[in-house]
Amino acid sequence: MIKKRDIVTNIILTIVTCGIYGIIWFISITDDARIVSGDDRLSGGKCFLFTLITCGIYGYYWAYLMGKALVQAKSKCNLPADDNSILYIILQLFGLGIVNYCLIQNDLNNISDKNANVI
């Protein structure tokens, strides 16, 4: 089971902490996506480390992986499974990673709601 997080609170905390909470949010949504999709390539700490080591280049691959993982997770939960991988990469290219975080968190919250209704 994954934790439902408030998107506005996460944005505010990221801004107030000058991005440090954004790292925690990145790791959390990556780990949650791994849990709901079953994709073992996703590990929050590993993805953050690779993004840091490659000066952000791995972040584009991460965005692609997250899009694919969420498609898997949504289809498992019988939710409309739209593939946002390309959108995530484009947002990452324009430096809008926090928008990716918001979109991913929204999908994870929807998956959490669906799982709570099923159980």
PDB file of N, CA and C in Angstrom:
ATOM      1  N   MET A   1       0.845  -1.179   0.000  1.00  0.00           N
ATOM      2  CA  MET A   1       0.000   0.000   0.000  1.00  0.00           C
ATOM      3  C   MET A   1       0.893   1.246   0.000  1.00  0.00           C
ATOM      4  N   ILE A   2       0.494   2.220  -0.775  1.00  0.00           N
ATOM      5  CA  ILE A   2       1.271   3.459  -0.856  1.00  0.00           C
ATOM      6  C   ILE A   2       0.533   4.580  -0.131  1.00  0.00           C
ATOM      7  N   LYS A   3       1.297   5.571   0.270  1.00  0.00           N
ATOM      8  CA  LYS A   3       0.741   6.689   1.028  1.00  0.00           C
ATOM      9  C   LYS A   3       0.248   7.769   0.069  1.00  0.00           C
ATOM     10  N   LYS A   4      -0.943   8.265   0.316  1.00  0.00           N
ATOM     11  CA  LYS A   4      -1.488   9.367  -0.462  1.00  0.00           C
ATOM     12  C   LYS A   4      -0.888  10.656   0.079  1.00  0.00           C
ATOM     13  N   ARG A   5      -0.325  11.485  -0.827  1.00  0.00           N
ATOM     14  CA  ARG A   5       0.334  12.725  -0.418  1.00  0.00           C
ATOM     15  C   ARG A   5      -0.364  13.928  -1.045  1.00  0.00           C
ATOM     16  N   ASP A   6      -0.404  15.012  -0.298  1.00  0.00           N
ATOM     17  CA  ASP A   6      -1.009  16.249  -0.787  1.00  0.00           C
ATOM     18  C   ASP A   6      -0.007  16.976  -1.685  1.00  0.00           C
ATOM     19  N   ILE A   7      -0.404  17.242  -2.909  1.00  0.00           N
ATOM     20  CA  ILE A   7       0.491  17.837  -3.893  1.00  0.00           C
ATOM     21  C   ILE A   7       0.871  19.265  -3.514  1.00  0.00           C
ATOM     22  N   VAL A   8      -0.090  20.061  -3.077  1.00  0.00           N
ATOM     23  CA  VAL A   8       0.190  21.462  -2.729  1.00  0.00           C
ATOM     24  C   VAL A   8       1.172  21.550  -1.559  1.00  0.00           C
ATOM     25  N   THR A   9       0.979  20.712  -0.567  1.00  0.00           N
ATOM     26  CA  THR A   9       1.891  20.690   0.582  1.00  0.00           C
ATOM     27  C   THR A   9       3.307  20.345   0.142  1.00  0.00           C
ATOM     28  N   ASN A  10       3.429  19.358  -0.759  1.00  0.00           N
ATOM     29  CA  ASN A  10       4.756  18.982  -1.249  1.00  0.00           C
ATOM     30  C   ASN A  10       5.415  20.109  -2.036  1.00  0.00           C
ATOM     31  N   ILE A  11       4.640  20.827  -2.822  1.00  0.00           N
ATOM     32  CA  ILE A  11       5.195  21.959  -3.577  1.00  0.00           C
ATOM     33  C   ILE A  11       5.683  23.043  -2.615  1.00  0.00           C
ATOM     34  N   ILE A  12       4.869  23.369  -1.634  1.00  0.00           N
ATOM     35  CA  ILE A  12       5.238  24.408  -0.666  1.00  0.00           C
ATOM     36  C   ILE A  12       6.486  24.001   0.111  1.00  0.00           C
ATOM     37  N   LEU A  13       6.535  22.756   0.563  1.00  0.00           N
ATOM     38  CA  LEU A  13       7.710  22.283   1.292  1.00  0.00           C
ATOM     39  C   LEU A  13       8.961  22.301   0.411  1.00  0.00           C
ATOM     40  N   THR A  14       8.805  21.981  -0.864  1.00  0.00           N
ATOM     41  CA  THR A  14       9.939  22.013  -1.786  1.00  0.00           C
ATOM     42  C   THR A  14      10.453  23.439  -1.953  1.00  0.00           C
ATOM     43  N   ILE A  15       9.551  24.392  -2.066  1.00  0.00           N
ATOM     44  CA  ILE A  15       9.953  25.792  -2.235  1.00  0.00           C
ATOM     45  C   ILE A  15      10.587  26.335  -0.956  1.00  0.00           C
ATOM     46  N   VAL A  16       9.958  26.063   0.178  1.00  0.00           N
ATOM     47  CA  VAL A  16      10.453  26.582   1.464  1.00  0.00           C
ATOM     48  C   VAL A  16      11.836  26.022   1.803  1.00  0.00           C
ATOM     49  N   THR A  17      12.083  24.766   1.452  1.00  0.00           N
ATOM     50  CA  THR A  17      13.371  24.138   1.780  1.00  0.00           C
ATOM     51  C   THR A  17      14.388  24.281   0.651  1.00  0.00           C
ATOM     52  N   CYS A  18      14.092  25.166  -0.309  1.00  0.00           N
ATOM     53  CA  CYS A  18      14.997  25.408  -1.444  1.00  0.00           C
ATOM     54  C   CYS A  18      15.318  24.126  -2.219  1.00  0.00           C
ATOM     55  N   GLY A  19      14.339  23.268  -2.361  1.00  0.00           N
ATOM     56  CA  GLY A  19      14.477  22.070  -3.168  1.00  0.00           C
ATOM     57  C   GLY A  19      14.874  20.807  -2.429  1.00  0.00           C
ATOM     58  N   ILE A  20      15.259  20.935  -1.171  1.00  0.00           N
ATOM     59  CA  ILE A  20      15.702  19.739  -0.435  1.00  0.00           C
ATOM     60  C   ILE A  20      14.549  18.761  -0.254  1.00  0.00           C
ATOM     61  N   TYR A  21      13.364  19.266   0.057  1.00  0.00           N
ATOM     62  CA  TYR A  21      12.221  18.357   0.182  1.00  0.00           C
ATOM     63  C   TYR A  21      11.867  17.746  -1.171  1.00  0.00           C
ATOM     64  N   GLY A  22      12.204  18.416  -2.262  1.00  0.00           N
ATOM     65  CA  GLY A  22      11.982  17.860  -3.597  1.00  0.00           C
ATOM     66  C   GLY A  22      12.736  16.560  -3.800  1.00  0.00           C
ATOM     67  N   ILE A  23      13.901  16.450  -3.190  1.00  0.00           N
ATOM     68  CA  ILE A  23      14.674  15.206  -3.266  1.00  0.00           C
ATOM     69  C   ILE A  23      13.917  14.081  -2.556  1.00  0.00           C
ATOM     70  N   ILE A  24      13.389  14.380  -1.384  1.00  0.00           N
ATOM     71  CA  ILE A  24      12.616  13.391  -0.635  1.00  0.00           C
ATOM     72  C   ILE A  24      11.373  12.984  -1.417  1.00  0.00           C
ATOM     73  N   TRP A  25      10.726  13.962  -2.029  1.00  0.00           N
ATOM     74  CA  TRP A  25       9.522  13.704  -2.828  1.00  0.00           C
ATOM     75  C   TRP A  25       9.869  12.830  -4.033  1.00  0.00           C
ATOM     76  N   PHE A  26      10.974  13.138  -4.710  1.00  0.00           N
ATOM     77  CA  PHE A  26      11.457  12.352  -5.850  1.00  0.00           C
ATOM     78  C   PHE A  26      11.649  10.893  -5.456  1.00  0.00           C
ATOM     79  N   ILE A  27      12.339  10.686  -4.351  1.00  0.00           N
ATOM     80  CA  ILE A  27      12.606   9.327  -3.879  1.00  0.00           C
ATOM     81  C   ILE A  27      11.309   8.623  -3.506  1.00  0.00           C
ATOM     82  N   SER A  28      10.398   9.335  -2.861  1.00  0.00           N
ATOM     83  CA  SER A  28       9.129   8.740  -2.432  1.00  0.00           C
ATOM     84  C   SER A  28       8.257   8.323  -3.610  1.00  0.00           C
ATOM     85  N   ILE A  29       8.112   9.199  -4.603  1.00  0.00           N
ATOM     86  CA  ILE A  29       7.247   8.837  -5.733  1.00  0.00           C
ATOM     87  C   ILE A  29       7.866   7.726  -6.572  1.00  0.00           C
ATOM     88  N   THR A  30       9.190   7.688  -6.634  1.00  0.00           N
ATOM     89  CA  THR A  30       9.856   6.611  -7.368  1.00  0.00           C
ATOM     90  C   THR A  30       9.636   5.279  -6.665  1.00  0.00           C
ATOM     91  N   ASP A  31       9.791   5.256  -5.355  1.00  0.00           N
ATOM     92  CA  ASP A  31       9.562   4.021  -4.601  1.00  0.00           C
ATOM     93  C   ASP A  31       8.089   3.594  -4.668  1.00  0.00           C
ATOM     94  N   ASP A  32       7.174   4.559  -4.597  1.00  0.00           N
ATOM     95  CA  ASP A  32       5.748   4.228  -4.698  1.00  0.00           C
ATOM     96  C   ASP A  32       5.411   3.644  -6.071  1.00  0.00           C
ATOM     97  N   ALA A  33       6.007   4.206  -7.125  1.00  0.00           N
ATOM     98  CA  ALA A  33       5.775   3.685  -8.478  1.00  0.00           C
ATOM     99  C   ALA A  33       6.317   2.263  -8.602  1.00  0.00           C
ATOM    100  N   ARG A  34       7.444   1.991  -7.950  1.00  0.00           N
ATOM    101  CA  ARG A  34       7.992   0.627  -7.955  1.00  0.00           C
ATOM    102  C   ARG A  34       7.033  -0.339  -7.275  1.00  0.00           C
ATOM    103  N   ILE A  35       6.451   0.087  -6.171  1.00  0.00           N
ATOM    104  CA  ILE A  35       5.535  -0.767  -5.419  1.00  0.00           C
ATOM    105  C   ILE A  35       4.291  -1.094  -6.231  1.00  0.00           C
ATOM    106  N   VAL A  36       3.670  -0.082  -6.835  1.00  0.00           N
ATOM    107  CA  VAL A  36       2.405  -0.311  -7.540  1.00  0.00           C
ATOM    108  C   VAL A  36       2.592  -0.973  -8.897  1.00  0.00           C
ATOM    109  N   SER A  37       3.758  -0.779  -9.531  1.00  0.00           N
ATOM    110  CA  SER A  37       3.959  -1.358 -10.858  1.00  0.00           C
ATOM    111  C   SER A  37       4.704  -2.684 -10.822  1.00  0.00           C
ATOM    112  N   GLY A  38       5.494  -2.891  -9.775  1.00  0.00           N
ATOM    113  CA  GLY A  38       6.303  -4.097  -9.702  1.00  0.00           C
ATOM    114  C   GLY A  38       7.576  -4.001 -10.533  1.00  0.00           C
ATOM    115  N   ASP A  39       7.932  -2.812 -10.993  1.00  0.00           N
ATOM    116  CA  ASP A  39       9.120  -2.600 -11.815  1.00  0.00           C
ATOM    117  C   ASP A  39      10.341  -2.441 -10.910  1.00  0.00           C
ATOM    118  N   ASP A  40      11.210  -3.439 -10.907  1.00  0.00           N
ATOM    119  CA  ASP A  40      12.370  -3.426 -10.013  1.00  0.00           C
ATOM    120  C   ASP A  40      13.472  -2.474 -10.450  1.00  0.00           C
ATOM    121  N   ARG A  41      13.359  -1.905 -11.655  1.00  0.00           N
ATOM    122  CA  ARG A  41      14.363  -0.934 -12.097  1.00  0.00           C
ATOM    123  C   ARG A  41      14.229   0.373 -11.333  1.00  0.00           C
ATOM    124  N   LEU A  42      13.076   0.576 -10.715  1.00  0.00           N
ATOM    125  CA  LEU A  42      12.815   1.829 -10.009  1.00  0.00           C
ATOM    126  C   LEU A  42      13.163   1.691  -8.531  1.00  0.00           C
ATOM    127  N   SER A  43      14.149   2.410  -8.123  1.00  0.00           N
ATOM    128  CA  SER A  43      14.512   2.515  -6.720  1.00  0.00           C
ATOM    129  C   SER A  43      14.814   3.992  -6.486  1.00  0.00           C
ATOM    130  N   GLY A  44      14.115   4.591  -5.538  1.00  0.00           N
ATOM    131  CA  GLY A  44      14.241   6.025  -5.327  1.00  0.00           C
ATOM    132  C   GLY A  44      15.670   6.490  -5.103  1.00  0.00           C
ATOM    133  N   GLY A  45      16.368   5.822  -4.211  1.00  0.00           N
ATOM    134  CA  GLY A  45      17.742   6.206  -3.906  1.00  0.00           C
ATOM    135  C   GLY A  45      18.665   6.014  -5.090  1.00  0.00           C
ATOM    136  N   LYS A  46      18.510   4.886  -5.780  1.00  0.00           N
ATOM    137  CA  LYS A  46      19.354   4.594  -6.939  1.00  0.00           C
ATOM    138  C   LYS A  46      19.100   5.598  -8.063  1.00  0.00           C
ATOM    139  N   CYS A  47      17.843   5.890  -8.335  1.00  0.00           N
ATOM    140  CA  CYS A  47      17.511   6.844  -9.402  1.00  0.00           C
ATOM    141  C   CYS A  47      18.031   8.236  -9.074  1.00  0.00           C
ATOM    142  N   PHE A  48      17.912   8.644  -7.819  1.00  0.00           N
ATOM    143  CA  PHE A  48      18.434   9.954  -7.428  1.00  0.00           C
ATOM    144  C   PHE A  48      19.951   9.998  -7.575  1.00  0.00           C
ATOM    145  N   LEU A  49      20.615   8.945  -7.128  1.00  0.00           N
ATOM    146  CA  LEU A  49      22.075   8.891  -7.218  1.00  0.00           C
ATOM    147  C   LEU A  49      22.533   8.935  -8.675  1.00  0.00           C
ATOM    148  N   PHE A  50      21.892   8.151  -9.546  1.00  0.00           N
ATOM    149  CA  PHE A  50      22.269   8.147 -10.960  1.00  0.00           C
ATOM    150  C   PHE A  50      22.009   9.508 -11.608  1.00  0.00           C
ATOM    151  N   THR A  51      20.909  10.158 -11.222  1.00  0.00           N
ATOM    152  CA  THR A  51      20.617  11.491 -11.758  1.00  0.00           C
ATOM    153  C   THR A  51      21.675  12.485 -11.299  1.00  0.00           C
ATOM    154  N   LEU A  52      22.089  12.376 -10.044  1.00  0.00           N
ATOM    155  CA  LEU A  52      23.117  13.264  -9.504  1.00  0.00           C
ATOM    156  C   LEU A  52      24.465  13.027 -10.184  1.00  0.00           C
ATOM    157  N   ILE A  53      24.842  11.765 -10.330  1.00  0.00           N
ATOM    158  CA  ILE A  53      26.139  11.423 -10.924  1.00  0.00           C
ATOM    159  C   ILE A  53      26.215  11.863 -12.387  1.00  0.00           C
ATOM    160  N   THR A  54      25.109  11.713 -13.118  1.00  0.00           N
ATOM    161  CA  THR A  54      25.112  12.048 -14.545  1.00  0.00           C
ATOM    162  C   THR A  54      24.725  13.508 -14.813  1.00  0.00           C
ATOM    163  N   CYS A  55      24.703  14.321 -13.783  1.00  0.00           N
ATOM    164  CA  CYS A  55      24.345  15.749 -13.906  1.00  0.00           C
ATOM    165  C   CYS A  55      22.976  15.943 -14.543  1.00  0.00           C
ATOM    166  N   GLY A  56      22.040  15.087 -14.197  1.00  0.00           N
ATOM    167  CA  GLY A  56      20.666  15.231 -14.640  1.00  0.00           C
ATOM    168  C   GLY A  56      20.279  14.432 -15.867  1.00  0.00           C
ATOM    169  N   ILE A  57      21.238  13.864 -16.575  1.00  0.00           N
ATOM    170  CA  ILE A  57      20.916  13.125 -17.805  1.00  0.00           C
ATOM    171  C   ILE A  57      20.051  11.907 -17.502  1.00  0.00           C
ATOM    172  N   TYR A  58      20.342  11.192 -16.431  1.00  0.00           N
ATOM    173  CA  TYR A  58      19.544  10.021 -16.071  1.00  0.00           C
ATOM    174  C   TYR A  58      18.101  10.426 -15.765  1.00  0.00           C
ATOM    175  N   GLY A  59      17.873  11.669 -15.402  1.00  0.00           N
ATOM    176  CA  GLY A  59      16.529  12.160 -15.099  1.00  0.00           C
ATOM    177  C   GLY A  59      15.574  12.005 -16.267  1.00  0.00           C
ATOM    178  N   TYR A  60      16.081  12.096 -17.491  1.00  0.00           N
ATOM    179  CA  TYR A  60      15.225  11.906 -18.668  1.00  0.00           C
ATOM    180  C   TYR A  60      14.781  10.448 -18.781  1.00  0.00           C
ATOM    181  N   TYR A  61      15.704   9.549 -18.525  1.00  0.00           N
ATOM    182  CA  TYR A  61      15.365   8.115 -18.540  1.00  0.00           C
ATOM    183  C   TYR A  61      14.413   7.800 -17.393  1.00  0.00           C
ATOM    184  N   TRP A  62      14.634   8.418 -16.235  1.00  0.00           N
ATOM    185  CA  TRP A  62      13.738   8.236 -15.096  1.00  0.00           C
ATOM    186  C   TRP A  62      12.318   8.667 -15.458  1.00  0.00           C
ATOM    187  N   ALA A  63      12.205   9.812 -16.132  1.00  0.00           N
ATOM    188  CA  ALA A  63      10.882  10.312 -16.530  1.00  0.00           C
ATOM    189  C   ALA A  63      10.189   9.309 -17.447  1.00  0.00           C
ATOM    190  N   TYR A  64      10.936   8.747 -18.373  1.00  0.00           N
ATOM    191  CA  TYR A  64      10.386   7.726 -19.278  1.00  0.00           C
ATOM    192  C   TYR A  64       9.951   6.487 -18.495  1.00  0.00           C
ATOM    193  N   LEU A  65      10.811   6.021 -17.604  1.00  0.00           N
ATOM    194  CA  LEU A  65      10.487   4.838 -16.792  1.00  0.00           C
ATOM    195  C   LEU A  65       9.247   5.054 -15.928  1.00  0.00           C
ATOM    196  N   MET A  66       9.131   6.249 -15.368  1.00  0.00           N
ATOM    197  CA  MET A  66       7.973   6.541 -14.527  1.00  0.00           C
ATOM    198  C   MET A  66       6.685   6.505 -15.342  1.00  0.00           C
ATOM    199  N   GLY A  67       6.729   7.038 -16.551  1.00  0.00           N
ATOM    200  CA  GLY A  67       5.551   6.991 -17.410  1.00  0.00           C
ATOM    201  C   GLY A  67       5.125   5.564 -17.704  1.00  0.00           C
ATOM    202  N   LYS A  68       6.095   4.728 -18.026  1.00  0.00           N
ATOM    203  CA  LYS A  68       5.799   3.318 -18.335  1.00  0.00           C
ATOM    204  C   LYS A  68       5.324   2.567 -17.088  1.00  0.00           C
ATOM    205  N   ALA A  69       5.937   2.852 -15.943  1.00  0.00           N
ATOM    206  CA  ALA A  69       5.539   2.178 -14.700  1.00  0.00           C
ATOM    207  C   ALA A  69       4.119   2.540 -14.303  1.00  0.00           C
ATOM    208  N   LEU A  70       3.748   3.794 -14.503  1.00  0.00           N
ATOM    209  CA  LEU A  70       2.395   4.214 -14.146  1.00  0.00           C
ATOM    210  C   LEU A  70       1.350   3.615 -15.084  1.00  0.00           C
ATOM    211  N   VAL A  71       1.716   3.402 -16.342  1.00  0.00           N
ATOM    212  CA  VAL A  71       0.793   2.718 -17.266  1.00  0.00           C
ATOM    213  C   VAL A  71       0.526   1.307 -16.759  1.00  0.00           C
ATOM    214  N   GLN A  72       1.598   0.602 -16.350  1.00  0.00           N
ATOM    215  CA  GLN A  72       1.438  -0.749 -15.802  1.00  0.00           C
ATOM    216  C   GLN A  72       0.560  -0.735 -14.560  1.00  0.00           C
ATOM    217  N   ALA A  73       0.832   0.196 -13.670  1.00  0.00           N
ATOM    218  CA  ALA A  73       0.097   0.253 -12.405  1.00  0.00           C
ATOM    219  C   ALA A  73      -1.370   0.578 -12.630  1.00  0.00           C
ATOM    220  N   LYS A  74      -1.647   1.531 -13.525  1.00  0.00           N
ATOM    221  CA  LYS A  74      -3.037   1.901 -13.792  1.00  0.00           C
ATOM    222  C   LYS A  74      -3.805   0.755 -14.441  1.00  0.00           C
ATOM    223  N   SER A  75      -3.155   0.037 -15.339  1.00  0.00           N
ATOM    224  CA  SER A  75      -3.856  -1.077 -15.983  1.00  0.00           C
ATOM    225  C   SER A  75      -4.136  -2.199 -14.983  1.00  0.00           C
ATOM    226  N   LYS A  76      -3.267  -2.382 -14.001  1.00  0.00           N
ATOM    227  CA  LYS A  76      -3.509  -3.379 -12.943  1.00  0.00           C
ATOM    228  C   LYS A  76      -4.721  -3.007 -12.098  1.00  0.00           C
ATOM    229  N   CYS A  77      -4.955  -1.697 -11.941  1.00  0.00           N
ATOM    230  CA  CYS A  77      -6.053  -1.210 -11.098  1.00  0.00           C
ATOM    231  C   CYS A  77      -7.319  -0.902 -11.897  1.00  0.00           C
ATOM    232  N   ASN A  78      -7.321  -1.254 -13.185  1.00  0.00           N
ATOM    233  CA  ASN A  78      -8.462  -0.976 -14.060  1.00  0.00           C
ATOM    234  C   ASN A  78      -8.778   0.512 -14.159  1.00  0.00           C
ATOM    235  N   LEU A  79      -7.744   1.334 -14.169  1.00  0.00           N
ATOM    236  CA  LEU A  79      -7.881   2.767 -14.397  1.00  0.00           C
ATOM    237  C   LEU A  79      -7.503   3.059 -15.845  1.00  0.00           C
ATOM    238  N   PRO A  80      -8.005   4.164 -16.416  1.00  0.00           N
ATOM    239  CA  PRO A  80      -7.591   4.523 -17.777  1.00  0.00           C
ATOM    240  C   PRO A  80      -6.072   4.698 -17.823  1.00  0.00           C
ATOM    241  N   ALA A  81      -5.405   3.915 -18.643  1.00  0.00           N
ATOM    242  CA  ALA A  81      -3.941   3.879 -18.669  1.00  0.00           C
ATOM    243  C   ALA A  81      -3.406   4.684 -19.844  1.00  0.00           C
ATOM    244  N   ASP A  82      -3.263   5.983 -19.664  1.00  0.00           N
ATOM    245  CA  ASP A  82      -2.672   6.823 -20.693  1.00  0.00           C
ATOM    246  C   ASP A  82      -1.168   6.909 -20.452  1.00  0.00           C
ATOM    247  N   ASP A  83      -0.404   6.805 -21.531  1.00  0.00           N
ATOM    248  CA  ASP A  83       1.052   6.797 -21.442  1.00  0.00           C
ATOM    249  C   ASP A  83       1.576   8.223 -21.530  1.00  0.00           C
ATOM    250  N   ASN A  84       2.096   8.731 -20.435  1.00  0.00           N
ATOM    251  CA  ASN A  84       2.613  10.096 -20.373  1.00  0.00           C
ATOM    252  C   ASN A  84       4.132  10.162 -20.441  1.00  0.00           C
ATOM    253  N   SER A  85       4.774   9.100 -20.895  1.00  0.00           N
ATOM    254  CA  SER A  85       6.240   9.054 -20.909  1.00  0.00           C
ATOM    255  C   SER A  85       6.851  10.206 -21.695  1.00  0.00           C
ATOM    256  N   ILE A  86       6.327  10.460 -22.880  1.00  0.00           N
ATOM    257  CA  ILE A  86       6.876  11.524 -23.723  1.00  0.00           C
ATOM    258  C   ILE A  86       6.624  12.891 -23.083  1.00  0.00           C
ATOM    259  N   LEU A  87       5.445  13.079 -22.515  1.00  0.00           N
ATOM    260  CA  LEU A  87       5.141  14.331 -21.818  1.00  0.00           C
ATOM    261  C   LEU A  87       6.126  14.569 -20.680  1.00  0.00           C
ATOM    262  N   TYR A  88       6.405  13.527 -19.914  1.00  0.00           N
ATOM    263  CA  TYR A  88       7.352  13.655 -18.799  1.00  0.00           C
ATOM    264  C   TYR A  88       8.747  14.040 -19.290  1.00  0.00           C
ATOM    265  N   ILE A  89       9.171  13.451 -20.408  1.00  0.00           N
ATOM    266  CA  ILE A  89      10.491  13.777 -20.954  1.00  0.00           C
ATOM    267  C   ILE A  89      10.529  15.234 -21.424  1.00  0.00           C
ATOM    268  N   ILE A  90       9.468  15.676 -22.099  1.00  0.00           N
ATOM    269  CA  ILE A  90       9.418  17.057 -22.586  1.00  0.00           C
ATOM    270  C   ILE A  90       9.441  18.046 -21.415  1.00  0.00           C
ATOM    271  N   LEU A  91       8.659  17.759 -20.374  1.00  0.00           N
ATOM    272  CA  LEU A  91       8.664  18.633 -19.199  1.00  0.00           C
ATOM    273  C   LEU A  91      10.044  18.656 -18.556  1.00  0.00           C
ATOM    274  N   GLN A  92      10.706  17.510 -18.516  1.00  0.00           N
ATOM    275  CA  GLN A  92      12.050  17.424 -17.948  1.00  0.00           C
ATOM    276  C   GLN A  92      13.024  18.265 -18.778  1.00  0.00           C
ATOM    277  N   LEU A  93      12.872  18.228 -20.113  1.00  0.00           N
ATOM    278  CA  LEU A  93      13.741  19.006 -20.994  1.00  0.00           C
ATOM    279  C   LEU A  93      13.629  20.508 -20.736  1.00  0.00           C
ATOM    280  N   PHE A  94      12.423  20.957 -20.425  1.00  0.00           N
ATOM    281  CA  PHE A  94      12.199  22.374 -20.184  1.00  0.00           C
ATOM    282  C   PHE A  94      12.406  22.773 -18.724  1.00  0.00           C
ATOM    283  N   GLY A  95      12.969  21.875 -17.920  1.00  0.00           N
ATOM    284  CA  GLY A  95      13.273  22.206 -16.534  1.00  0.00           C
ATOM    285  C   GLY A  95      12.057  22.230 -15.628  1.00  0.00           C
ATOM    286  N   LEU A  96      11.009  21.545 -16.014  1.00  0.00           N
ATOM    287  CA  LEU A  96       9.779  21.526 -15.226  1.00  0.00           C
ATOM    288  C   LEU A  96       9.598  20.181 -14.523  1.00  0.00           C
ATOM    289  N   GLY A  97      10.656  19.728 -13.886  1.00  0.00           N
ATOM    290  CA  GLY A  97      10.608  18.457 -13.169  1.00  0.00           C
ATOM    291  C   GLY A  97       9.566  18.442 -12.068  1.00  0.00           C
ATOM    292  N   ILE A  98       9.342  19.578 -11.433  1.00  0.00           N
ATOM    293  CA  ILE A  98       8.354  19.624 -10.350  1.00  0.00           C
ATOM    294  C   ILE A  98       6.945  19.393 -10.888  1.00  0.00           C
ATOM    295  N   VAL A  99       6.706  19.775 -12.143  1.00  0.00           N
ATOM    296  CA  VAL A  99       5.413  19.480 -12.761  1.00  0.00           C
ATOM    297  C   VAL A  99       5.279  17.968 -12.955  1.00  0.00           C
ATOM    298  N   ASN A 100       6.371  17.323 -13.336  1.00  0.00           N
ATOM    299  CA  ASN A 100       6.366  15.857 -13.424  1.00  0.00           C
ATOM    300  C   ASN A 100       6.013  15.251 -12.071  1.00  0.00           C
ATOM    301  N   TYR A 101       6.637  15.751 -11.025  1.00  0.00           N
ATOM    302  CA  TYR A 101       6.355  15.239  -9.687  1.00  0.00           C
ATOM    303  C   TYR A 101       4.864  15.357  -9.373  1.00  0.00           C
ATOM    304  N   CYS A 102       4.275  16.494  -9.721  1.00  0.00           N
ATOM    305  CA  CYS A 102       2.846  16.718  -9.445  1.00  0.00           C
ATOM    306  C   CYS A 102       1.971  15.746 -10.232  1.00  0.00           C
ATOM    307  N   LEU A 103       2.274  15.579 -11.517  1.00  0.00           N
ATOM    308  CA  LEU A 103       1.489  14.669 -12.352  1.00  0.00           C
ATOM    309  C   LEU A 103       1.620  13.220 -11.877  1.00  0.00           C
ATOM    310  N   ILE A 104       2.841  12.837 -11.548  1.00  0.00           N
ATOM    311  CA  ILE A 104       3.080  11.477 -11.060  1.00  0.00           C
ATOM    312  C   ILE A 104       2.384  11.257  -9.726  1.00  0.00           C
ATOM    313  N   GLN A 105       2.488  12.250  -8.828  1.00  0.00           N
ATOM    314  CA  GLN A 105       1.830  12.129  -7.523  1.00  0.00           C
ATOM    315  C   GLN A 105       0.325  12.033  -7.685  1.00  0.00           C
ATOM    316  N   ASN A 106      -0.238  12.784  -8.619  1.00  0.00           N
ATOM    317  CA  ASN A 106      -1.675  12.717  -8.869  1.00  0.00           C
ATOM    318  C   ASN A 106      -2.079  11.307  -9.317  1.00  0.00           C
ATOM    319  N   ASP A 107      -1.298  10.727 -10.231  1.00  0.00           N
ATOM    320  CA  ASP A 107      -1.586   9.354 -10.665  1.00  0.00           C
ATOM    321  C   ASP A 107      -1.458   8.367  -9.506  1.00  0.00           C
ATOM    322  N   LEU A 108      -0.418   8.539  -8.700  1.00  0.00           N
ATOM    323  CA  LEU A 108      -0.242   7.647  -7.547  1.00  0.00           C
ATOM    324  C   LEU A 108      -1.386   7.801  -6.547  1.00  0.00           C
ATOM    325  N   ASN A 109      -1.862   9.029  -6.339  1.00  0.00           N
ATOM    326  CA  ASN A 109      -3.003   9.245  -5.448  1.00  0.00           C
ATOM    327  C   ASN A 109      -4.255   8.562  -5.993  1.00  0.00           C
ATOM    328  N   ASN A 110      -4.456   8.632  -7.321  1.00  0.00           N
ATOM    329  CA  ASN A 110      -5.602   7.956  -7.932  1.00  0.00           C
ATOM    330  C   ASN A 110      -5.510   6.448  -7.769  1.00  0.00           C
ATOM    331  N   ILE A 111      -4.313   5.913  -7.931  1.00  0.00           N
ATOM    332  CA  ILE A 111      -4.102   4.475  -7.736  1.00  0.00           C
ATOM    333  C   ILE A 111      -4.347   4.092  -6.293  1.00  0.00           C
ATOM    334  N   SER A 112      -3.886   4.936  -5.371  1.00  0.00           N
ATOM    335  CA  SER A 112      -4.116   4.681  -3.941  1.00  0.00           C
ATOM    336  C   SER A 112      -5.596   4.684  -3.610  1.00  0.00           C
ATOM    337  N   ASP A 113      -6.338   5.654  -4.177  1.00  0.00           N
ATOM    338  CA  ASP A 113      -7.787   5.715  -3.965  1.00  0.00           C
ATOM    339  C   ASP A 113      -8.474   4.475  -4.503  1.00  0.00           C
ATOM    340  N   LYS A 114      -8.067   4.040  -5.678  1.00  0.00           N
ATOM    341  CA  LYS A 114      -8.670   2.866  -6.307  1.00  0.00           C
ATOM    342  C   LYS A 114      -8.403   1.618  -5.475  1.00  0.00           C
ATOM    343  N   ASN A 115      -7.172   1.477  -4.984  1.00  0.00           N
ATOM    344  CA  ASN A 115      -6.828   0.317  -4.153  1.00  0.00           C
ATOM    345  C   ASN A 115      -7.561   0.343  -2.830  1.00  0.00           C
ATOM    346  N   ALA A 116      -7.770   1.542  -2.259  1.00  0.00           N
ATOM    347  CA  ALA A 116      -8.499   1.651  -0.996  1.00  0.00           C
ATOM    348  C   ALA A 116      -9.968   1.247  -1.189  1.00  0.00           C
ATOM    349  N   ASN A 117     -10.511   1.564  -2.359  1.00  0.00           N
ATOM    350  CA  ASN A 117     -11.910   1.187  -2.649  1.00  0.00           C
ATOM    351  C   ASN A 117     -12.044  -0.308  -2.893  1.00  0.00           C
ATOM    352  N   VAL A 118     -10.997  -0.927  -3.404  1.00  0.00           N
ATOM    353  CA  VAL A 118     -11.041  -2.356  -3.699  1.00  0.00           C
ATOM    354  C   VAL A 118     -10.938  -3.166  -2.415  1.00  0.00           C
ATOM    355  N   ILE A 119     -10.088  -2.733  -1.500  1.00  0.00           N
ATOM    356  CA  ILE A 119      -9.846  -3.489  -0.267  1.00  0.00           C
ATOM    357  C   ILE A 119     -10.939  -3.340   0.706  1.00  0.00           C
TER     358      ILE A 119
END
